[in-house]
Protein backbone atom coordinates (compact mmCIF):
# COMPACT_ATOMS: atom_id res chain seq x y z
CA UNK A 1 22.74 -45.70 31.39
CA UNK A 2 23.05 -42.20 32.83
CA UNK A 3 20.78 -40.87 30.08
CA UNK A 4 18.18 -43.50 30.97
CA UNK A 5 18.46 -42.63 34.64
CA UNK A 6 17.96 -38.92 33.94
CA UNK A 7 14.91 -39.61 31.74
CA UNK A 8 13.39 -41.79 34.47
CA UNK A 9 14.00 -39.07 37.08
CA UNK A 10 12.55 -36.43 34.74
CA UNK A 11 9.28 -38.38 34.57
CA UNK A 12 9.22 -38.66 38.39
CA UNK A 13 8.33 -42.33 38.31
CA UNK A 14 7.38 -44.07 41.55
CA UNK A 15 9.40 -47.28 41.73
CA UNK A 16 6.84 -48.82 44.10
CA UNK A 17 4.13 -48.92 41.41
CA UNK A 18 4.21 -51.77 38.90
CA UNK A 19 3.18 -49.59 35.96
CA UNK A 20 5.96 -47.08 36.65
CA UNK A 21 8.49 -49.90 36.91
CA UNK A 22 7.42 -51.19 33.49
CA UNK A 23 7.74 -47.68 32.04
CA UNK A 24 11.21 -47.31 33.59
CA UNK A 25 12.30 -50.66 32.14
CA UNK A 26 11.06 -49.59 28.72
CA UNK A 27 12.96 -46.31 28.90
CA UNK A 28 16.12 -48.09 30.01
CA UNK A 29 15.93 -50.67 27.24
CA UNK A 30 15.22 -48.05 24.59
CA UNK A 31 18.13 -45.81 25.59
CA UNK A 32 20.69 -48.57 26.13
CA UNK A 33 19.74 -50.50 23.00
CA UNK A 34 19.96 -47.34 20.91
CA UNK A 35 23.43 -46.62 22.29
CA UNK A 36 24.65 -50.18 21.67
CA UNK A 37 23.09 -50.92 18.30
CA UNK A 38 23.16 -47.49 16.64
CA UNK A 39 26.82 -47.83 15.64
CA UNK A 40 26.34 -51.28 14.17
CA UNK A 41 23.22 -50.16 12.30
CA UNK A 42 25.11 -47.28 10.70
CA UNK A 43 27.90 -49.64 9.69
CA UNK A 44 25.40 -52.11 8.25
CA UNK A 45 23.68 -49.46 6.13
CA UNK A 46 27.06 -48.17 4.97
CA UNK A 47 28.07 -51.65 3.86
CA UNK A 48 24.73 -52.11 2.12
CA UNK A 49 25.14 -48.92 0.12
CA UNK A 50 28.76 -49.75 -0.75
CA UNK A 51 27.74 -53.11 -2.17
CA UNK A 52 24.62 -52.06 -4.06
CA UNK A 53 25.56 -48.60 -5.31
């Protein structure tokens, strides 16, 4: 979440504008989802290659 916060601050988004809020939500979701699901995706691909290779 800190990475998302720093990316939002780097873009200097105005949280009073609806378009900037949507952009901030998109950044947050992208960063947090990557952090949560990256480990499981790597494990899934590893299992796939173990089974089929």
